[in-house]
Amino acid sequence: MKAVVQENGVWIPKRLLKGVKEVEIRKKHGQIVVQPTVISDDPIFDLGNHPGHSGLGDLSTKHDDYLYGKRA
């Protein structure tokens, strides 16, 4: 497959990336390499998936007060 490099780069058809959510693009030995990355093992992507419940209605705005004991 050939593609024309335009002002914003190169378009890669979605059919070539079936099932891929993220790719790493790098230049290696004079070649451009587009390689799928594994993101499911990174715990940072799980943050916020299972939030807890404190029962405090103002926790989002006064979280520092509750964390550091500066209750008014």
PDB file of N, CA and C in Angstrom:
ATOM      1  N   MET A   1       0.839  -1.167   0.000  1.00  0.00           N
ATOM      2  CA  MET A   1       0.000   0.000   0.000  1.00  0.00           C
ATOM      3  C   MET A   1       0.886   1.232   0.000  1.00  0.00           C
ATOM      4  N   LYS A   2       0.497   2.222  -0.771  1.00  0.00           N
ATOM      5  CA  LYS A   2       1.198   3.502  -0.797  1.00  0.00           C
ATOM      6  C   LYS A   2       0.242   4.581  -0.333  1.00  0.00           C
ATOM      7  N   ALA A   3       0.787   5.599   0.314  1.00  0.00           N
ATOM      8  CA  ALA A   3      -0.019   6.722   0.777  1.00  0.00           C
ATOM      9  C   ALA A   3       0.754   8.013   0.541  1.00  0.00           C
ATOM     10  N   VAL A   4       0.027   9.047   0.205  1.00  0.00           N
ATOM     11  CA  VAL A   4       0.627  10.357  -0.033  1.00  0.00           C
ATOM     12  C   VAL A   4       0.759  11.083   1.298  1.00  0.00           C
ATOM     13  N   VAL A   5       1.943  11.608   1.562  1.00  0.00           N
ATOM     14  CA  VAL A   5       2.168  12.389   2.779  1.00  0.00           C
ATOM     15  C   VAL A   5       1.645  13.793   2.513  1.00  0.00           C
ATOM     16  N   GLN A   6       0.650  14.201   3.305  1.00  0.00           N
ATOM     17  CA  GLN A   6       0.058  15.518   3.140  1.00  0.00           C
ATOM     18  C   GLN A   6       0.553  16.455   4.226  1.00  0.00           C
ATOM     19  N   GLU A   7      -0.012  17.629   4.284  1.00  0.00           N
ATOM     20  CA  GLU A   7       0.429  18.654   5.233  1.00  0.00           C
ATOM     21  C   GLU A   7       0.373  18.168   6.676  1.00  0.00           C
ATOM     22  N   ASN A   8      -0.662  17.399   7.053  1.00  0.00           N
ATOM     23  CA  ASN A   8      -0.824  16.926   8.426  1.00  0.00           C
ATOM     24  C   ASN A   8      -0.320  15.507   8.645  1.00  0.00           C
ATOM     25  N   GLY A   9       0.272  14.890   7.665  1.00  0.00           N
ATOM     26  CA  GLY A   9       0.813  13.545   7.845  1.00  0.00           C
ATOM     27  C   GLY A   9       0.223  12.536   6.881  1.00  0.00           C
ATOM     28  N   VAL A  10       0.125  11.299   7.343  1.00  0.00           N
ATOM     29  CA  VAL A  10      -0.341  10.190   6.505  1.00  0.00           C
ATOM     30  C   VAL A  10      -1.580   9.573   7.140  1.00  0.00           C
ATOM     31  N   TRP A  11      -2.536   9.208   6.319  1.00  0.00           N
ATOM     32  CA  TRP A  11      -3.760   8.562   6.758  1.00  0.00           C
ATOM     33  C   TRP A  11      -3.561   7.054   6.700  1.00  0.00           C
ATOM     34  N   ILE A  12      -3.848   6.353   7.813  1.00  0.00           N
ATOM     35  CA  ILE A  12      -3.752   4.897   7.864  1.00  0.00           C
ATOM     36  C   ILE A  12      -5.177   4.352   7.908  1.00  0.00           C
ATOM     37  N   PRO A  13      -5.563   3.516   6.942  1.00  0.00           N
ATOM     38  CA  PRO A  13      -6.939   3.002   6.917  1.00  0.00           C
ATOM     39  C   PRO A  13      -7.284   2.221   8.187  1.00  0.00           C
ATOM     40  N   LYS A  14      -8.498   2.438   8.704  1.00  0.00           N
ATOM     41  CA  LYS A  14      -8.974   1.786   9.915  1.00  0.00           C
ATOM     42  C   LYS A  14      -8.964   0.267   9.771  1.00  0.00           C
ATOM     43  N   ARG A  15      -9.173  -0.243   8.577  1.00  0.00           N
ATOM     44  CA  ARG A  15      -9.191  -1.704   8.377  1.00  0.00           C
ATOM     45  C   ARG A  15      -7.842  -2.324   8.717  1.00  0.00           C
ATOM     46  N   LEU A  16      -6.787  -1.565   8.633  1.00  0.00           N
ATOM     47  CA  LEU A  16      -5.467  -2.074   9.002  1.00  0.00           C
ATOM     48  C   LEU A  16      -5.257  -2.049  10.515  1.00  0.00           C
ATOM     49  N   LEU A  17      -6.129  -1.345  11.225  1.00  0.00           N
ATOM     50  CA  LEU A  17      -5.995  -1.197  12.672  1.00  0.00           C
ATOM     51  C   LEU A  17      -7.164  -1.848  13.411  1.00  0.00           C
ATOM     52  N   LYS A  18      -7.754  -2.863  12.828  1.00  0.00           N
ATOM     53  CA  LYS A  18      -8.909  -3.524  13.415  1.00  0.00           C
ATOM     54  C   LYS A  18      -8.588  -4.040  14.820  1.00  0.00           C
ATOM     55  N   GLY A  19      -9.398  -3.628  15.809  1.00  0.00           N
ATOM     56  CA  GLY A  19      -9.215  -4.056  17.186  1.00  0.00           C
ATOM     57  C   GLY A  19      -8.126  -3.317  17.942  1.00  0.00           C
ATOM     58  N   VAL A  20      -7.449  -2.389  17.313  1.00  0.00           N
ATOM     59  CA  VAL A  20      -6.354  -1.646  17.941  1.00  0.00           C
ATOM     60  C   VAL A  20      -6.901  -0.342  18.503  1.00  0.00           C
ATOM     61  N   LYS A  21      -6.589  -0.055  19.772  1.00  0.00           N
ATOM     62  CA  LYS A  21      -7.057   1.179  20.405  1.00  0.00           C
ATOM     63  C   LYS A  21      -5.978   2.253  20.444  1.00  0.00           C
ATOM     64  N   GLU A  22      -4.721   1.844  20.428  1.00  0.00           N
ATOM     65  CA  GLU A  22      -3.623   2.804  20.517  1.00  0.00           C
ATOM     66  C   GLU A  22      -2.418   2.232  19.790  1.00  0.00           C
ATOM     67  N   VAL A  23      -1.661   3.106  19.122  1.00  0.00           N
ATOM     68  CA  VAL A  23      -0.442   2.673  18.443  1.00  0.00           C
ATOM     69  C   VAL A  23       0.730   3.542  18.876  1.00  0.00           C
ATOM     70  N   GLU A  24       1.904   2.974  18.757  1.00  0.00           N
ATOM     71  CA  GLU A  24       3.138   3.721  18.978  1.00  0.00           C
ATOM     72  C   GLU A  24       3.750   3.942  17.607  1.00  0.00           C
ATOM     73  N   ILE A  25       4.127   5.180  17.315  1.00  0.00           N
ATOM     74  CA  ILE A  25       4.739   5.518  16.036  1.00  0.00           C
ATOM     75  C   ILE A  25       6.156   5.986  16.326  1.00  0.00           C
ATOM     76  N   ARG A  26       7.124   5.345  15.690  1.00  0.00           N
ATOM     77  CA  ARG A  26       8.513   5.741  15.916  1.00  0.00           C
ATOM     78  C   ARG A  26       9.334   5.506  14.645  1.00  0.00           C
ATOM     79  N   LYS A  27      10.470   6.130  14.606  1.00  0.00           N
ATOM     80  CA  LYS A  27      11.396   5.956  13.491  1.00  0.00           C
ATOM     81  C   LYS A  27      12.516   5.048  13.965  1.00  0.00           C
ATOM     82  N   LYS A  28      12.731   3.953  13.254  1.00  0.00           N
ATOM     83  CA  LYS A  28      13.730   2.964  13.660  1.00  0.00           C
ATOM     84  C   LYS A  28      14.548   2.549  12.440  1.00  0.00           C
ATOM     85  N   HIS A  29      15.831   2.833  12.481  1.00  0.00           N
ATOM     86  CA  HIS A  29      16.749   2.481  11.384  1.00  0.00           C
ATOM     87  C   HIS A  29      16.252   3.015  10.043  1.00  0.00           C
ATOM     88  N   GLY A  30      15.760   4.254  10.048  1.00  0.00           N
ATOM     89  CA  GLY A  30      15.303   4.886   8.813  1.00  0.00           C
ATOM     90  C   GLY A  30      13.910   4.473   8.366  1.00  0.00           C
ATOM     91  N   GLN A  31      13.230   3.613   9.117  1.00  0.00           N
ATOM     92  CA  GLN A  31      11.879   3.189   8.771  1.00  0.00           C
ATOM     93  C   GLN A  31      10.888   3.743   9.789  1.00  0.00           C
ATOM     94  N   ILE A  32       9.696   4.035   9.327  1.00  0.00           N
ATOM     95  CA  ILE A  32       8.623   4.464  10.216  1.00  0.00           C
ATOM     96  C   ILE A  32       7.880   3.211  10.652  1.00  0.00           C
ATOM     97  N   VAL A  33       7.787   2.991  11.958  1.00  0.00           N
ATOM     98  CA  VAL A  33       7.145   1.796  12.513  1.00  0.00           C
ATOM     99  C   VAL A  33       5.877   2.217  13.256  1.00  0.00           C
ATOM    100  N   VAL A  34       4.742   1.621  12.881  1.00  0.00           N
ATOM    101  CA  VAL A  34       3.469   1.842  13.558  1.00  0.00           C
ATOM    102  C   VAL A  34       3.117   0.523  14.228  1.00  0.00           C
ATOM    103  N   GLN A  35       3.187   0.502  15.561  1.00  0.00           N
ATOM    104  CA  GLN A  35       3.018  -0.745  16.299  1.00  0.00           C
ATOM    105  C   GLN A  35       1.929  -0.598  17.358  1.00  0.00           C
ATOM    106  N   PRO A  36       0.968  -1.552  17.406  1.00  0.00           N
ATOM    107  CA  PRO A  36      -0.057  -1.495  18.452  1.00  0.00           C
ATOM    108  C   PRO A  36       0.581  -1.586  19.832  1.00  0.00           C
ATOM    109  N   THR A  37       0.026  -0.824  20.773  1.00  0.00           N
ATOM    110  CA  THR A  37       0.519  -0.879  22.146  1.00  0.00           C
ATOM    111  C   THR A  37      -0.490  -1.615  23.020  1.00  0.00           C
ATOM    112  N   VAL A  38       0.003  -2.178  24.091  1.00  0.00           N
ATOM    113  CA  VAL A  38      -0.861  -2.871  25.047  1.00  0.00           C
ATOM    114  C   VAL A  38      -1.149  -1.893  26.168  1.00  0.00           C
ATOM    115  N   ILE A  39      -2.399  -1.472  26.277  1.00  0.00           N
ATOM    116  CA  ILE A  39      -2.747  -0.492  27.300  1.00  0.00           C
ATOM    117  C   ILE A  39      -3.565  -1.093  28.428  1.00  0.00           C
ATOM    118  N   SER A  40      -4.039  -2.301  28.258  1.00  0.00           N
ATOM    119  CA  SER A  40      -4.912  -2.887  29.269  1.00  0.00           C
ATOM    120  C   SER A  40      -4.172  -3.223  30.569  1.00  0.00           C
ATOM    121  N   ASP A  41      -2.851  -3.392  30.518  1.00  0.00           N
ATOM    122  CA  ASP A  41      -2.089  -3.739  31.709  1.00  0.00           C
ATOM    123  C   ASP A  41      -1.686  -2.519  32.535  1.00  0.00           C
ATOM    124  N   ASP A  42      -1.911  -1.332  32.026  1.00  0.00           N
ATOM    125  CA  ASP A  42      -1.507  -0.128  32.726  1.00  0.00           C
ATOM    126  C   ASP A  42      -2.590   0.262  33.732  1.00  0.00           C
ATOM    127  N   PRO A  43      -2.301   0.250  35.027  1.00  0.00           N
ATOM    128  CA  PRO A  43      -3.318   0.530  36.040  1.00  0.00           C
ATOM    129  C   PRO A  43      -3.874   1.954  35.977  1.00  0.00           C
ATOM    130  N   ILE A  44      -3.167   2.868  35.345  1.00  0.00           N
ATOM    131  CA  ILE A  44      -3.663   4.242  35.279  1.00  0.00           C
ATOM    132  C   ILE A  44      -4.986   4.318  34.535  1.00  0.00           C
ATOM    133  N   PHE A  45      -5.227   3.385  33.606  1.00  0.00           N
ATOM    134  CA  PHE A  45      -6.464   3.400  32.841  1.00  0.00           C
ATOM    135  C   PHE A  45      -7.644   2.856  33.637  1.00  0.00           C
ATOM    136  N   ASP A  46      -7.405   2.261  34.789  1.00  0.00           N
ATOM    137  CA  ASP A  46      -8.480   1.757  35.632  1.00  0.00           C
ATOM    138  C   ASP A  46      -8.940   2.769  36.675  1.00  0.00           C
ATOM    139  N   LEU A  47      -8.220   3.880  36.816  1.00  0.00           N
ATOM    140  CA  LEU A  47      -8.590   4.877  37.810  1.00  0.00           C
ATOM    141  C   LEU A  47      -9.969   5.449  37.481  1.00  0.00           C
ATOM    142  N   GLY A  48     -10.813   5.517  38.460  1.00  0.00           N
ATOM    143  CA  GLY A  48     -12.137   6.078  38.279  1.00  0.00           C
ATOM    144  C   GLY A  48     -13.187   5.082  37.823  1.00  0.00           C
ATOM    145  N   ASN A  49     -12.794   3.852  37.524  1.00  0.00           N
ATOM    146  CA  ASN A  49     -13.774   2.858  37.081  1.00  0.00           C
ATOM    147  C   ASN A  49     -14.670   2.376  38.212  1.00  0.00           C
ATOM    148  N   HIS A  50     -14.154   2.365  39.427  1.00  0.00           N
ATOM    149  CA  HIS A  50     -14.917   1.891  40.578  1.00  0.00           C
ATOM    150  C   HIS A  50     -14.808   2.913  41.713  1.00  0.00           C
ATOM    151  N   PRO A  51     -15.484   4.058  41.546  1.00  0.00           N
ATOM    152  CA  PRO A  51     -15.361   5.089  42.585  1.00  0.00           C
ATOM    153  C   PRO A  51     -16.043   4.671  43.875  1.00  0.00           C
ATOM    154  N   GLY A  52     -15.494   5.133  44.972  1.00  0.00           N
ATOM    155  CA  GLY A  52     -16.089   4.854  46.278  1.00  0.00           C
ATOM    156  C   GLY A  52     -17.116   5.920  46.626  1.00  0.00           C
ATOM    157  N   HIS A  53     -17.845   5.693  47.672  1.00  0.00           N
ATOM    158  CA  HIS A  53     -18.848   6.646  48.120  1.00  0.00           C
ATOM    159  C   HIS A  53     -18.576   6.978  49.583  1.00  0.00           C
ATOM    160  N   SER A  54     -18.362   8.251  49.848  1.00  0.00           N
ATOM    161  CA  SER A  54     -18.023   8.681  51.200  1.00  0.00           C
ATOM    162  C   SER A  54     -19.245   9.049  52.023  1.00  0.00           C
ATOM    163  N   GLY A  55     -20.340   9.364  51.351  1.00  0.00           N
ATOM    164  CA  GLY A  55     -21.511   9.840  52.066  1.00  0.00           C
ATOM    165  C   GLY A  55     -21.455  11.337  52.335  1.00  0.00           C
ATOM    166  N   LEU A  56     -20.358  11.973  51.954  1.00  0.00           N
ATOM    167  CA  LEU A  56     -20.209  13.412  52.143  1.00  0.00           C
ATOM    168  C   LEU A  56     -20.592  14.115  50.845  1.00  0.00           C
ATOM    169  N   GLY A  57     -21.530  15.001  50.908  1.00  0.00           N
ATOM    170  CA  GLY A  57     -22.019  15.675  49.711  1.00  0.00           C
ATOM    171  C   GLY A  57     -21.072  16.715  49.142  1.00  0.00           C
ATOM    172  N   ASP A  58     -20.114  17.180  49.935  1.00  0.00           N
ATOM    173  CA  ASP A  58     -19.220  18.243  49.478  1.00  0.00           C
ATOM    174  C   ASP A  58     -17.773  17.765  49.323  1.00  0.00           C
ATOM    175  N   LEU A  59     -17.568  16.478  49.182  1.00  0.00           N
ATOM    176  CA  LEU A  59     -16.208  15.932  49.128  1.00  0.00           C
ATOM    177  C   LEU A  59     -15.418  16.447  47.929  1.00  0.00           C
ATOM    178  N   SER A  60     -16.083  16.653  46.796  1.00  0.00           N
ATOM    179  CA  SER A  60     -15.352  17.108  45.617  1.00  0.00           C
ATOM    180  C   SER A  60     -14.820  18.525  45.782  1.00  0.00           C
ATOM    181  N   THR A  61     -15.481  19.353  46.546  1.00  0.00           N
ATOM    182  CA  THR A  61     -15.037  20.735  46.721  1.00  0.00           C
ATOM    183  C   THR A  61     -14.194  20.950  47.973  1.00  0.00           C
ATOM    184  N   LYS A  62     -14.348  20.076  48.972  1.00  0.00           N
ATOM    185  CA  LYS A  62     -13.604  20.254  50.225  1.00  0.00           C
ATOM    186  C   LYS A  62     -12.708  19.058  50.540  1.00  0.00           C
ATOM    187  N   HIS A  63     -12.188  18.403  49.479  1.00  0.00           N
ATOM    188  CA  HIS A  63     -11.377  17.200  49.715  1.00  0.00           C
ATOM    189  C   HIS A  63     -10.115  17.488  50.519  1.00  0.00           C
ATOM    190  N   ASP A  64      -9.488  18.656  50.311  1.00  0.00           N
ATOM    191  CA  ASP A  64      -8.285  18.987  51.082  1.00  0.00           C
ATOM    192  C   ASP A  64      -8.602  19.116  52.575  1.00  0.00           C
ATOM    193  N   ASP A  65      -9.744  19.703  52.871  1.00  0.00           N
ATOM    194  CA  ASP A  65     -10.137  19.856  54.273  1.00  0.00           C
ATOM    195  C   ASP A  65     -10.269  18.483  54.939  1.00  0.00           C
ATOM    196  N   TYR A  66     -10.877  17.534  54.242  1.00  0.00           N
ATOM    197  CA  TYR A  66     -11.056  16.204  54.810  1.00  0.00           C
ATOM    198  C   TYR A  66      -9.741  15.417  54.862  1.00  0.00           C
ATOM    199  N   LEU A  67      -8.891  15.601  53.854  1.00  0.00           N
ATOM    200  CA  LEU A  67      -7.609  14.870  53.844  1.00  0.00           C
ATOM    201  C   LEU A  67      -6.646  15.381  54.905  1.00  0.00           C
ATOM    202  N   TYR A  68      -6.602  16.705  55.086  1.00  0.00           N
ATOM    203  CA  TYR A  68      -5.596  17.290  55.959  1.00  0.00           C
ATOM    204  C   TYR A  68      -6.162  17.814  57.282  1.00  0.00           C
ATOM    205  N   GLY A  69      -7.421  17.503  57.568  1.00  0.00           N
ATOM    206  CA  GLY A  69      -8.011  17.841  58.857  1.00  0.00           C
ATOM    207  C   GLY A  69      -8.306  19.301  59.080  1.00  0.00           C
ATOM    208  N   LYS A  70      -8.551  20.047  58.043  1.00  0.00           N
ATOM    209  CA  LYS A  70      -8.834  21.485  58.182  1.00  0.00           C
ATOM    210  C   LYS A  70     -10.337  21.726  58.127  1.00  0.00           C
ATOM    211  N   ARG A  71     -11.084  20.975  58.855  1.00  0.00           N
ATOM    212  CA  ARG A  71     -12.538  21.135  58.842  1.00  0.00           C
ATOM    213  C   ARG A  71     -12.942  22.469  59.464  1.00  0.00           C
ATOM    214  N   ALA A  72     -13.928  23.080  58.824  1.00  0.00           N
ATOM    215  CA  ALA A  72     -14.404  24.386  59.326  1.00  0.00           C
ATOM    216  C   ALA A  72     -15.536  24.217  60.307  1.00  0.00           C
TER     217      ALA A  72
END
